[in-house]
Protein backbone atom coordinates (compact mmCIF):
# COMPACT_ATOMS: atom_id res chain seq x y z
CA MET A 1 42.79 7.07 -36.10
CA PRO A 2 41.69 4.59 -38.80
CA HIS A 3 43.34 4.81 -42.20
CA VAL A 4 42.61 3.38 -45.65
CA ILE A 5 45.19 2.51 -48.29
CA THR A 6 44.19 2.63 -51.96
CA LEU A 7 45.96 0.62 -54.66
CA ASN A 8 45.78 0.96 -58.42
CA ALA A 9 47.93 -1.87 -59.78
CA GLY A 10 49.12 -1.95 -63.39
CA SER A 11 51.55 -4.20 -65.21
CA SER A 12 54.64 -2.13 -64.32
CA SER A 13 53.41 0.33 -61.72
CA ILE A 14 51.33 0.60 -58.58
CA LYS A 15 49.73 3.88 -57.56
CA PHE A 16 48.89 4.06 -53.88
CA ALA A 17 47.63 6.54 -51.35
CA LEU A 18 47.09 6.69 -47.59
CA TYR A 19 43.96 8.36 -46.30
CA ALA A 20 43.13 9.35 -42.74
CA MET A 21 39.46 8.85 -41.89
CA ALA A 22 38.97 11.87 -39.67
CA SER A 23 35.24 12.40 -38.95
CA GLY A 24 34.43 9.62 -41.40
CA THR A 25 35.75 11.58 -44.38
CA PRO A 26 38.84 10.41 -46.32
CA ARG A 27 41.71 12.90 -46.17
CA ALA A 28 44.78 12.15 -48.29
CA ILE A 29 47.99 12.39 -46.29
CA ALA A 30 50.32 10.73 -48.80
CA THR A 31 50.29 9.52 -52.40
CA GLY A 32 52.87 7.37 -54.11
CA LEU A 33 53.97 5.41 -57.14
CA VAL A 34 56.06 2.27 -57.50
CA GLU A 35 57.43 1.74 -61.01
CA HIS A 36 59.29 -1.08 -62.68
CA ALA A 37 61.59 -0.27 -65.61
CA ALA A 38 64.08 -2.78 -67.04
CA HIS A 39 66.08 -4.08 -64.06
CA CYS A 40 65.40 -1.15 -61.75
CA ARG A 41 62.45 -0.42 -59.49
CA HIS A 42 61.57 2.91 -57.93
CA ILE A 43 59.21 4.27 -55.28
CA ARG A 44 58.33 7.94 -54.74
CA VAL A 45 55.92 9.32 -52.12
CA ARG A 46 54.50 12.84 -51.86
CA ASP A 47 52.64 14.55 -49.04
CA ALA A 48 49.27 16.29 -49.35
CA ALA A 49 51.00 19.44 -50.62
CA GLY A 50 52.83 17.54 -53.37
CA ALA A 51 56.29 17.63 -51.80
CA VAL A 52 58.41 14.48 -52.14
CA THR A 53 58.82 12.92 -48.69
CA PHE A 54 60.33 9.54 -49.60
CA GLU A 55 62.18 8.17 -52.62
CA GLU A 56 64.12 4.97 -53.18
CA ALA A 57 65.43 2.93 -56.10
CA TRP A 58 66.66 -0.66 -56.09
CA GLN A 59 67.56 -3.51 -58.37
CA ALA A 60 64.71 -5.82 -59.27
CA ALA A 61 64.60 -9.00 -57.22
CA ALA A 62 63.55 -12.44 -58.34
CA ALA A 63 60.20 -12.04 -56.58
CA GLY A 64 57.15 -10.90 -58.53
CA PHE A 65 56.79 -7.17 -59.03
CA HIS A 66 53.50 -6.76 -57.17
CA GLU A 67 54.62 -8.70 -54.10
CA GLU A 68 57.89 -6.76 -53.87
CA ALA A 69 56.17 -3.43 -54.53
CA LEU A 70 53.60 -4.06 -51.78
CA HIS A 71 56.40 -5.04 -49.42
CA ARG A 72 58.05 -1.65 -50.06
CA VAL A 73 54.75 0.20 -49.62
CA LEU A 74 54.16 -1.61 -46.32
CA ALA A 75 57.68 -0.83 -45.10
CA TRP A 76 57.24 2.84 -46.03
CA ARG A 77 53.91 3.08 -44.24
CA ARG A 78 55.26 1.51 -41.05
CA ALA A 79 58.25 3.85 -40.99
CA ALA A 80 56.42 7.05 -41.96
CA PHE A 81 53.14 6.49 -40.09
CA PRO A 82 53.82 3.92 -37.36
CA ALA A 83 50.66 4.80 -35.43
CA ALA A 84 48.35 4.62 -38.46
CA GLU A 85 45.77 1.86 -38.07
CA VAL A 86 45.03 0.54 -41.58
CA VAL A 87 41.46 -0.79 -41.53
CA ALA A 88 41.01 -1.50 -45.24
CA ALA A 89 42.68 -1.50 -48.65
CA GLY A 90 40.68 -0.27 -51.63
CA HIS A 91 41.55 -1.49 -55.12
CA ARG A 92 40.75 -0.21 -58.58
CA VAL A 93 39.44 -3.11 -60.65
CA VAL A 94 38.79 -2.26 -64.28
CA HIS A 95 36.09 -4.83 -65.10
CA GLY A 96 33.24 -5.92 -62.86
CA GLY A 97 31.20 -7.60 -65.59
CA PRO A 98 27.38 -7.67 -65.37
CA ARG A 99 27.50 -8.78 -61.74
CA TYR A 100 28.84 -5.67 -60.00
CA SER A 101 27.20 -2.27 -60.06
CA ALA A 102 28.81 -1.24 -56.76
CA PRO A 103 32.04 -1.94 -54.84
CA ALA A 104 32.42 -5.37 -53.21
CA LEU A 105 34.32 -6.86 -50.29
CA VAL A 106 36.88 -9.26 -51.74
CA THR A 107 36.24 -12.95 -51.11
CA GLU A 108 37.51 -16.08 -52.82
CA GLU A 109 34.28 -16.18 -54.82
CA VAL A 110 34.72 -12.56 -55.93
CA LEU A 111 38.34 -13.18 -56.98
CA ALA A 112 37.38 -16.27 -58.96
CA TYR A 113 34.71 -14.34 -60.83
CA LEU A 114 37.00 -11.39 -61.56
CA ALA A 115 39.58 -13.77 -63.04
CA THR A 116 36.99 -14.91 -65.62
CA LEU A 117 36.96 -11.31 -66.90
CA ASN A 118 40.70 -11.21 -67.66
CA PRO A 119 40.15 -11.63 -71.44
CA LEU A 120 37.94 -8.52 -71.45
CA ALA A 121 40.64 -6.27 -69.97
CA PRO A 122 43.98 -8.00 -70.54
CA LEU A 123 46.05 -4.85 -69.92
CA HIS A 124 44.47 -4.24 -66.52
CA GLN A 125 42.43 -7.02 -64.92
CA PRO A 126 45.22 -9.56 -64.26
CA HIS A 127 47.35 -6.85 -62.63
CA ASN A 128 44.42 -5.55 -60.58
CA ILE A 129 43.93 -9.07 -59.23
CA ALA A 130 47.67 -9.49 -58.62
CA GLY A 131 47.60 -6.31 -56.55
CA ILE A 132 44.71 -7.65 -54.44
CA LEU A 133 46.51 -10.95 -53.85
CA ALA A 134 49.72 -9.19 -52.88
CA ALA A 135 47.83 -6.88 -50.51
CA ARG A 136 46.08 -9.81 -48.86
CA ALA A 137 49.45 -11.48 -48.31
CA ALA A 138 50.96 -8.25 -46.92
CA TRP A 139 47.95 -7.36 -44.73
CA PRO A 140 46.16 -10.65 -43.96
CA HIS A 141 43.85 -9.10 -41.36
CA VAL A 142 42.88 -6.03 -43.41
CA ARG A 143 39.68 -6.08 -45.43
CA GLN A 144 40.06 -5.63 -49.18
CA VAL A 145 37.49 -3.72 -51.25
CA ALA A 146 37.23 -3.95 -55.05
CA CYS A 147 36.03 -0.75 -56.75
CA PHE A 148 34.99 -1.24 -60.37
CA ASP A 149 35.49 1.10 -63.33
CA THR A 150 32.44 -0.43 -65.01
CA ALA A 151 30.04 0.02 -62.07
CA PHE A 152 29.23 3.68 -62.85
CA HIS A 153 27.76 2.67 -66.22
CA ARG A 154 25.59 -0.27 -65.18
CA GLY A 155 22.39 1.82 -65.29
CA HIS A 156 22.57 2.46 -69.04
CA PRO A 157 19.29 2.15 -70.94
CA PHE A 158 19.12 -1.02 -73.04
CA VAL A 159 19.84 0.75 -76.34
CA ASN A 160 23.14 2.04 -74.96
CA ASP A 161 23.97 -1.25 -73.29
CA THR A 162 23.62 -3.72 -76.14
CA PHE A 163 25.05 -4.77 -79.49
CA ALA A 164 22.85 -5.91 -82.40
CA LEU A 165 23.87 -9.53 -81.88
CA PRO A 166 21.73 -12.56 -81.02
CA ARG A 167 19.94 -11.79 -77.77
CA ALA A 168 21.37 -14.86 -76.04
CA LEU A 169 24.83 -13.27 -76.21
CA TYR A 170 23.57 -10.21 -74.34
CA ASP A 171 22.09 -12.46 -71.69
CA GLU A 172 25.51 -14.14 -71.38
CA GLY A 173 27.12 -10.78 -70.65
CA ILE A 174 28.33 -9.60 -74.07
CA ARG A 175 27.23 -6.00 -73.81
CA ARG A 176 28.56 -2.45 -73.57
CA TYR A 177 30.10 -1.91 -70.13
CA GLY A 178 31.94 1.42 -70.34
CA PHE A 179 35.06 2.16 -68.30
CA HIS A 180 36.83 4.99 -66.41
CA GLY A 181 33.81 4.99 -64.12
CA LEU A 182 35.75 5.92 -60.97
CA SER A 183 37.10 8.98 -62.77
CA TYR A 184 33.66 10.00 -64.05
CA GLU A 185 32.11 9.53 -60.64
CA TYR A 186 34.75 11.74 -59.00
CA VAL A 187 34.41 14.45 -61.66
CA CYS A 188 30.62 14.46 -61.27
CA GLY A 189 31.07 15.09 -57.55
CA ARG A 190 33.49 17.96 -58.19
CA LEU A 191 31.15 19.47 -60.80
CA ARG A 192 28.31 19.41 -58.25
CA ALA A 193 30.50 21.46 -55.92
CA ILE A 194 31.66 23.87 -58.65
CA ALA A 195 28.53 24.32 -60.76
CA PRO A 196 25.55 22.45 -59.30
CA GLU A 197 23.12 23.76 -61.91
CA HIS A 198 25.24 22.29 -64.70
CA ALA A 199 25.92 19.04 -62.82
CA ALA A 200 22.16 18.52 -62.65
CA GLY A 201 21.88 18.85 -66.42
CA ARG A 202 23.31 17.25 -69.56
CA VAL A 203 27.08 16.84 -69.39
CA VAL A 204 29.70 15.24 -71.63
CA VAL A 205 32.89 14.33 -69.79
CA ALA A 206 36.03 13.55 -71.79
CA HIS A 207 38.56 11.44 -69.88
CA LEU A 208 41.62 11.86 -72.09
CA GLY A 209 44.85 10.12 -71.18
CA ASN A 210 46.80 7.09 -72.28
CA GLY A 211 43.39 5.45 -72.00
CA ALA A 212 40.63 7.69 -73.33
CA SER A 213 36.86 7.68 -73.37
CA ILE A 214 33.88 10.04 -73.35
CA CYS A 215 30.73 9.68 -71.28
CA ALA A 216 27.26 11.24 -71.55
CA ILE A 217 25.94 12.03 -68.07
CA GLN A 218 22.44 13.19 -67.09
CA ASN A 219 22.05 14.56 -63.57
CA GLY A 220 25.11 12.63 -62.39
CA HIS A 221 24.11 9.32 -63.99
CA SER A 222 25.89 7.68 -66.93
CA VAL A 223 23.67 7.47 -70.01
CA ALA A 224 26.15 6.32 -72.67
CA SER A 225 29.90 5.79 -73.06
CA SER A 226 32.28 5.58 -75.99
CA MET A 227 33.80 2.37 -74.58
CA GLY A 228 32.02 -0.95 -74.90
CA PHE A 229 32.59 -4.64 -74.15
CA THR A 230 36.31 -4.06 -73.64
CA ALA A 231 38.54 -1.03 -73.14
CA LEU A 232 39.41 -1.06 -76.85
CA ASP A 233 36.31 0.67 -78.21
CA GLY A 234 35.62 4.33 -78.94
CA LEU A 235 38.45 6.85 -79.05
CA PRO A 236 41.98 6.04 -80.23
CA MET A 237 44.28 5.89 -77.20
CA GLY A 238 47.99 5.82 -76.51
CA THR A 239 48.46 2.30 -77.89
CA ARG A 240 44.85 1.07 -78.31
CA CYS A 241 42.95 1.31 -81.57
CA GLY A 242 39.55 2.62 -80.50
CA GLN A 243 36.53 2.09 -82.77
CA LEU A 244 37.18 -0.63 -85.35
CA ASP A 245 35.09 -2.42 -87.96
CA PRO A 246 34.96 -6.05 -86.70
CA GLY A 247 35.50 -7.10 -90.30
CA VAL A 248 39.10 -5.93 -89.93
CA VAL A 249 39.68 -8.57 -87.26
CA LEU A 250 38.06 -11.25 -89.46
CA TYR A 251 40.31 -10.20 -92.35
CA LEU A 252 43.44 -10.38 -90.21
CA LEU A 253 42.44 -13.85 -89.01
CA GLN A 254 41.37 -15.28 -92.33
CA GLU A 255 43.51 -13.54 -94.94
CA ARG A 256 46.63 -12.48 -93.05
CA LYS A 257 46.57 -15.67 -90.94
CA MET A 258 47.41 -13.70 -87.81
CA SER A 259 46.92 -15.52 -84.53
CA PRO A 260 44.46 -14.21 -81.91
CA ALA A 261 47.43 -13.45 -79.66
CA ALA A 262 49.15 -11.40 -82.38
CA ILE A 263 45.97 -9.46 -83.12
CA THR A 264 45.43 -8.82 -79.40
CA ASP A 265 48.97 -7.47 -79.08
CA MET A 266 48.53 -5.24 -82.12
CA LEU A 267 45.16 -3.79 -81.05
CA TYR A 268 46.18 -3.17 -77.43
CA MET A 269 49.89 -2.34 -77.69
CA GLU A 270 50.81 -1.21 -81.22
CA SER A 271 47.84 0.84 -82.39
CA GLY A 272 46.26 4.17 -81.41
CA LEU A 273 48.49 7.23 -81.36
CA LYS A 274 51.59 5.05 -81.34
CA GLY A 275 50.52 3.08 -84.39
CA LEU A 276 49.34 6.09 -86.38
CA SER A 277 52.38 8.23 -85.62
CA GLY A 278 55.02 5.52 -85.78
CA LEU A 279 56.63 7.51 -82.98
CA SER A 280 54.91 7.39 -79.60
CA GLY A 281 51.65 7.05 -77.75
CA ASP A 282 52.57 10.04 -75.57
CA MET A 283 50.66 13.17 -76.62
CA ARG A 284 53.46 15.41 -75.29
CA GLU A 285 55.93 13.87 -77.72
CA LEU A 286 53.48 14.10 -80.60
CA LEU A 287 52.73 17.78 -79.97
CA ALA A 288 56.48 18.49 -79.92
CA ALA A 289 57.20 16.45 -83.06
CA ASP A 290 57.25 18.00 -86.52
CA THR A 291 56.33 15.01 -88.65
CA ARG A 292 53.34 14.43 -90.89
CA GLN A 293 52.56 11.17 -89.12
CA ALA A 294 52.49 12.83 -85.68
CA ARG A 295 50.20 15.59 -86.96
CA GLU A 296 47.88 13.05 -88.57
CA ALA A 297 47.71 10.99 -85.37
CA ILE A 298 46.62 14.10 -83.45
CA ASP A 299 44.17 14.99 -86.23
CA TYR A 300 42.52 11.59 -85.93
CA PHE A 301 42.42 11.76 -82.12
CA VAL A 302 40.71 15.18 -82.26
CA PHE A 303 38.31 14.09 -85.01
CA ARG A 304 37.12 11.07 -83.03
CA ILE A 305 36.61 13.16 -79.86
CA ARG A 306 34.52 15.69 -81.80
CA ARG A 307 32.50 12.93 -83.45
CA GLU A 308 31.80 11.17 -80.15
CA CYS A 309 30.97 14.47 -78.46
CA GLY A 310 28.36 15.28 -81.11
CA GLY A 311 26.85 11.80 -80.88
CA LEU A 312 26.63 11.90 -77.09
CA ALA A 313 25.05 15.36 -77.19
CA ALA A 314 22.39 13.85 -79.45
CA ALA A 315 21.91 10.97 -76.99
CA LEU A 316 21.36 13.52 -74.23
CA GLY A 317 19.01 15.67 -76.29
CA GLY A 318 21.26 18.70 -75.90
CA LEU A 319 24.20 19.84 -73.85
CA ASP A 320 24.74 22.04 -70.81
CA ALA A 321 28.42 21.42 -70.04
CA ILE A 322 31.59 19.73 -71.26
CA VAL A 323 34.30 18.61 -68.84
CA PHE A 324 37.89 17.63 -69.68
CA CYS A 325 39.90 15.42 -67.33
CA GLY A 326 42.81 12.96 -67.49
CA GLY A 327 46.44 13.69 -68.33
CA ILE A 328 45.73 15.06 -71.82
CA GLY A 329 42.39 16.60 -70.94
CA GLU A 330 43.81 18.49 -67.97
CA ASN A 331 47.12 19.63 -69.46
CA ALA A 332 47.15 19.66 -73.29
CA TRP A 333 45.49 22.98 -74.08
CA PRO A 334 46.18 22.70 -77.85
CA VAL A 335 44.17 19.47 -77.96
CA ARG A 336 41.27 21.05 -76.08
CA ALA A 337 41.34 24.07 -78.40
CA ARG A 338 41.19 21.88 -81.49
CA VAL A 339 38.42 19.71 -80.07
CA LEU A 340 36.26 22.76 -79.33
CA GLU A 341 37.06 24.61 -82.55
CA GLY A 342 33.93 25.11 -84.64
CA MET A 343 31.56 23.89 -81.91
CA ALA A 344 29.49 27.09 -81.90
CA TRP A 345 26.65 24.98 -83.33
CA LEU A 346 26.56 23.20 -79.96
CA GLY A 347 26.67 26.49 -78.07
CA VAL A 348 30.40 26.42 -77.19
CA GLU A 349 32.51 29.59 -77.17
CA LEU A 350 36.08 29.03 -76.00
CA ASP A 351 38.02 31.52 -73.87
CA HIS A 352 41.44 31.01 -75.45
CA ALA A 353 43.42 32.75 -72.70
CA ALA A 354 41.73 30.69 -69.97
CA ASN A 355 42.29 27.54 -72.00
CA ARG A 356 46.03 28.22 -72.38
CA ALA A 357 46.22 28.81 -68.62
CA ASN A 358 44.50 25.45 -67.89
CA ALA A 359 41.87 27.38 -65.95
CA GLN A 360 38.94 25.58 -64.34
CA LEU A 361 36.42 27.35 -66.59
CA ILE A 362 37.61 27.75 -70.18
CA SER A 363 34.43 28.94 -71.91
CA THR A 364 33.44 32.58 -72.23
CA ALA A 365 30.66 34.22 -70.25
CA ALA A 366 28.59 34.26 -73.46
CA SER A 367 28.99 30.53 -74.07
CA ARG A 368 25.68 28.70 -73.70
CA VAL A 369 27.55 25.47 -72.94
CA ARG A 370 30.03 25.81 -70.09
CA VAL A 371 33.39 24.05 -70.52
CA PHE A 372 35.38 22.97 -67.46
CA VAL A 373 38.78 21.43 -66.78
CA ILE A 374 38.54 19.30 -63.63
CA PRO A 375 41.49 17.19 -62.47
CA THR A 376 40.31 13.69 -61.70
CA ASP A 377 41.24 11.68 -58.61
CA GLU A 378 40.39 7.99 -58.85
CA GLU A 379 42.22 7.24 -55.60
CA ALA A 380 39.96 9.60 -53.66
CA MET A 381 36.92 7.87 -55.14
CA ILE A 382 38.31 4.46 -54.16
CA ALA A 383 38.91 5.71 -50.62
CA ARG A 384 35.34 6.97 -50.29
CA HIS A 385 33.87 3.71 -51.56
CA THR A 386 36.13 1.70 -49.27
CA LEU A 387 35.11 3.73 -46.25
CA ASP A 388 31.44 3.25 -47.17
CA MET A 389 31.99 -0.51 -47.35
CA VAL A 390 33.89 -1.07 -44.11
CA GLY A 391 32.77 1.85 -41.96
CA PRO A 392 35.03 4.40 -40.20
CA ALA A 393 35.60 2.22 -37.15
CA ALA A 394 36.17 -1.14 -38.80
CA PRO A 395 38.71 -3.33 -37.02
CA GLY A 396 42.15 -3.67 -38.64
């Protein structure tokens, strides 16, 4: 039976999953995570029911993290599923630029182009590419498929795709791309299965995690997103600033004499919830903390979500449903409650008991706007796209 492996490579972790392609439909049989912390590395694999089936820790070797991690993933797969024929590896790639509105088979030309986008997603793109290179070295005869987080948003109308800059810059590719597209695409599919009448309407989806964004979706198609040219824009995130007056960057350059590298580090790594709280970018820690700074960080996070939600509802001309997903969106019921507080003007009435229980539907029967909590699954979306690209019987 043909199988597909999916890889989501970050700077210090690689998420992976193995899918069996029974009847041409991806079916997850194992999911895993390789993490790198200090001098120790760790791999954990779970089966489809969530039970841990393999776990191992080891001291970091001199080899690069991605190469070593892929070596461990390959060794695990051979031992656990020796008969599995891997026909393709699907990769999450954060930025596809203006060129890609759909997944692509990886070639040297594709890799060279993706590398030019590294400055637009410095926390993700270089590691996504490193994961592809390591996978090609580990599986030289397996086709690699790049699945782009920006692709879902490439159909935006011009007014939601541009900045008010000289038109030549737009033509060069300086435009609003939007991100988290694989997550939004998966959630749209789940919403069609759960509530097709709402999926066909006007929906705002809030992907809230360490990275956070909100997307306006009309009949399954992205209309507008809170994120823009890079993954810095829009909502405050774990360590990223979110919406920022560009004059702040000019001031830091000109008056504070900060280098571009120092500003980049501050905006990507030292801002957001971490910067505001002075404590952590982890919402769980902030909710448990009893400090003014932690409370104010959460206040700002909630305020920006509410502001974006109202703006996107206006862009859609009304609202039929709101969906929460991502680590915070799926699990932090106090954040959801505060976001939805006072949204009766939009037609939202929250069922507080359902919200505390992290139920799938957390609005009341009387609520004109339905509110859902739908766990996202980017790996499943990658697997589907990869299968579409290579076909269920592609040679390994």
